[in-house]
Amino acid sequence: MGLLISILITFLVIVLVLYLVQRLPLDGRAKQIVQAIVLVIGIISLLKYLAVF
């Protein structure tokens, strides 16, 4: 049960950070780069919870 909660919290943090990046006054290219970085970090942390790494 704790694993599921950890995965859910990680997913919600990723969504929240992506939303906050959308609100930043950056140009489109910088916004895409930041979103890609957030997604990569988020996917790696989710895979860590699933014991892939």
N, C-alpha and C. Protein backbone atom coordinates (compact mmCIF):
# COMPACT_ATOMS: atom_id res chain seq x y z
N MET A 1 0.83 -1.20 0.00
CA MET A 1 0.00 0.00 0.00
C MET A 1 0.86 1.26 0.00
N GLY A 2 1.98 1.21 0.73
CA GLY A 2 2.87 2.36 0.79
C GLY A 2 3.50 2.67 -0.55
N LEU A 3 3.78 1.61 -1.33
CA LEU A 3 4.36 1.80 -2.66
C LEU A 3 3.39 2.53 -3.56
N LEU A 4 2.14 2.15 -3.51
CA LEU A 4 1.12 2.79 -4.33
C LEU A 4 0.97 4.27 -3.98
N ILE A 5 1.01 4.58 -2.71
CA ILE A 5 0.91 5.98 -2.27
C ILE A 5 2.13 6.77 -2.74
N SER A 6 3.31 6.17 -2.67
CA SER A 6 4.52 6.84 -3.13
C SER A 6 4.46 7.13 -4.62
N ILE A 7 3.99 6.16 -5.41
CA ILE A 7 3.86 6.36 -6.85
C ILE A 7 2.85 7.45 -7.14
N LEU A 8 1.73 7.46 -6.42
CA LEU A 8 0.70 8.46 -6.64
C LEU A 8 1.21 9.86 -6.28
N ILE A 9 1.92 9.98 -5.18
CA ILE A 9 2.47 11.28 -4.78
C ILE A 9 3.48 11.77 -5.81
N THR A 10 4.34 10.87 -6.28
CA THR A 10 5.31 11.25 -7.31
C THR A 10 4.62 11.74 -8.56
N PHE A 11 3.58 11.02 -8.99
CA PHE A 11 2.82 11.41 -10.18
C PHE A 11 2.19 12.79 -9.99
N LEU A 12 1.60 13.03 -8.83
CA LEU A 12 0.96 14.32 -8.57
C LEU A 12 1.98 15.45 -8.54
N VAL A 13 3.18 15.19 -8.00
CA VAL A 13 4.22 16.22 -7.99
C VAL A 13 4.65 16.54 -9.42
N ILE A 14 4.78 15.52 -10.27
CA ILE A 14 5.14 15.75 -11.67
C ILE A 14 4.10 16.62 -12.36
N VAL A 15 2.83 16.28 -12.16
CA VAL A 15 1.75 17.06 -12.78
C VAL A 15 1.76 18.50 -12.26
N LEU A 16 1.96 18.68 -10.97
CA LEU A 16 1.98 20.02 -10.38
C LEU A 16 3.14 20.84 -10.93
N VAL A 17 4.33 20.23 -11.03
CA VAL A 17 5.48 20.96 -11.55
C VAL A 17 5.26 21.33 -13.02
N LEU A 18 4.69 20.42 -13.81
CA LEU A 18 4.41 20.73 -15.21
C LEU A 18 3.41 21.87 -15.32
N TYR A 19 2.42 21.90 -14.42
CA TYR A 19 1.45 22.99 -14.43
C TYR A 19 2.12 24.32 -14.08
N LEU A 20 2.99 24.29 -13.08
CA LEU A 20 3.67 25.52 -12.67
C LEU A 20 4.61 26.01 -13.77
N VAL A 21 5.23 25.10 -14.50
CA VAL A 21 6.10 25.49 -15.62
C VAL A 21 5.27 26.21 -16.68
N GLN A 22 4.05 25.75 -16.90
CA GLN A 22 3.17 26.41 -17.88
C GLN A 22 2.89 27.85 -17.48
N ARG A 23 2.84 28.12 -16.19
CA ARG A 23 2.52 29.46 -15.69
C ARG A 23 3.71 30.41 -15.73
N LEU A 24 4.92 29.88 -15.92
CA LEU A 24 6.12 30.72 -15.94
C LEU A 24 6.17 31.58 -17.20
N PRO A 25 6.66 32.80 -17.08
CA PRO A 25 6.75 33.67 -18.26
C PRO A 25 8.01 33.38 -19.08
N LEU A 26 8.07 32.18 -19.65
CA LEU A 26 9.21 31.79 -20.48
C LEU A 26 8.76 31.71 -21.94
N ASP A 27 9.72 31.77 -22.84
CA ASP A 27 9.35 31.57 -24.24
C ASP A 27 9.09 30.08 -24.49
N GLY A 28 8.50 29.77 -25.62
CA GLY A 28 8.05 28.41 -25.90
C GLY A 28 9.17 27.39 -25.87
N ARG A 29 10.33 27.74 -26.42
CA ARG A 29 11.44 26.78 -26.48
C ARG A 29 11.94 26.44 -25.07
N ALA A 30 12.13 27.44 -24.23
CA ALA A 30 12.60 27.19 -22.86
C ALA A 30 11.57 26.36 -22.09
N LYS A 31 10.30 26.65 -22.30
CA LYS A 31 9.24 25.91 -21.62
C LYS A 31 9.27 24.43 -22.02
N GLN A 32 9.50 24.16 -23.31
CA GLN A 32 9.57 22.77 -23.78
C GLN A 32 10.76 22.04 -23.16
N ILE A 33 11.89 22.73 -23.06
CA ILE A 33 13.08 22.11 -22.48
C ILE A 33 12.85 21.77 -21.01
N VAL A 34 12.27 22.72 -20.27
CA VAL A 34 11.99 22.47 -18.84
C VAL A 34 11.00 21.33 -18.68
N GLN A 35 9.95 21.29 -19.52
CA GLN A 35 8.98 20.21 -19.44
C GLN A 35 9.62 18.86 -19.72
N ALA A 36 10.50 18.81 -20.70
CA ALA A 36 11.17 17.55 -21.02
C ALA A 36 12.04 17.09 -19.85
N ILE A 37 12.75 18.02 -19.22
CA ILE A 37 13.59 17.67 -18.07
C ILE A 37 12.73 17.14 -16.93
N VAL A 38 11.62 17.81 -16.66
CA VAL A 38 10.72 17.37 -15.57
C VAL A 38 10.18 15.98 -15.87
N LEU A 39 9.78 15.73 -17.12
CA LEU A 39 9.24 14.42 -17.47
C LEU A 39 10.30 13.32 -17.33
N VAL A 40 11.52 13.59 -17.75
CA VAL A 40 12.58 12.59 -17.63
C VAL A 40 12.86 12.27 -16.17
N ILE A 41 12.98 13.31 -15.34
CA ILE A 41 13.23 13.08 -13.92
C ILE A 41 12.06 12.34 -13.28
N GLY A 42 10.84 12.71 -13.66
CA GLY A 42 9.66 12.04 -13.11
C GLY A 42 9.58 10.59 -13.50
N ILE A 43 9.86 10.28 -14.76
CA ILE A 43 9.81 8.89 -15.21
C ILE A 43 10.89 8.06 -14.52
N ILE A 44 12.08 8.64 -14.36
CA ILE A 44 13.16 7.92 -13.67
C ILE A 44 12.78 7.63 -12.22
N SER A 45 12.17 8.61 -11.55
CA SER A 45 11.79 8.38 -10.16
C SER A 45 10.66 7.36 -10.05
N LEU A 46 9.72 7.37 -11.01
CA LEU A 46 8.67 6.35 -11.00
C LEU A 46 9.25 4.97 -11.25
N LEU A 47 10.19 4.86 -12.17
CA LEU A 47 10.82 3.57 -12.42
C LEU A 47 11.61 3.09 -11.21
N LYS A 48 12.17 4.03 -10.45
CA LYS A 48 12.89 3.67 -9.23
C LYS A 48 11.93 3.04 -8.22
N TYR A 49 10.71 3.59 -8.12
CA TYR A 49 9.72 2.99 -7.21
C TYR A 49 9.30 1.61 -7.66
N LEU A 50 9.30 1.40 -8.97
CA LEU A 50 8.91 0.09 -9.49
C LEU A 50 10.09 -0.89 -9.53
N ALA A 51 11.21 -0.50 -8.93
CA ALA A 51 12.40 -1.34 -8.77
C ALA A 51 13.02 -1.72 -10.10
N VAL A 52 12.92 -0.86 -11.10
CA VAL A 52 13.59 -1.11 -12.37
C VAL A 52 15.07 -0.74 -12.21
N PHE A 53 15.34 0.34 -11.48
CA PHE A 53 16.72 0.75 -11.25
C PHE A 53 17.13 0.33 -9.85
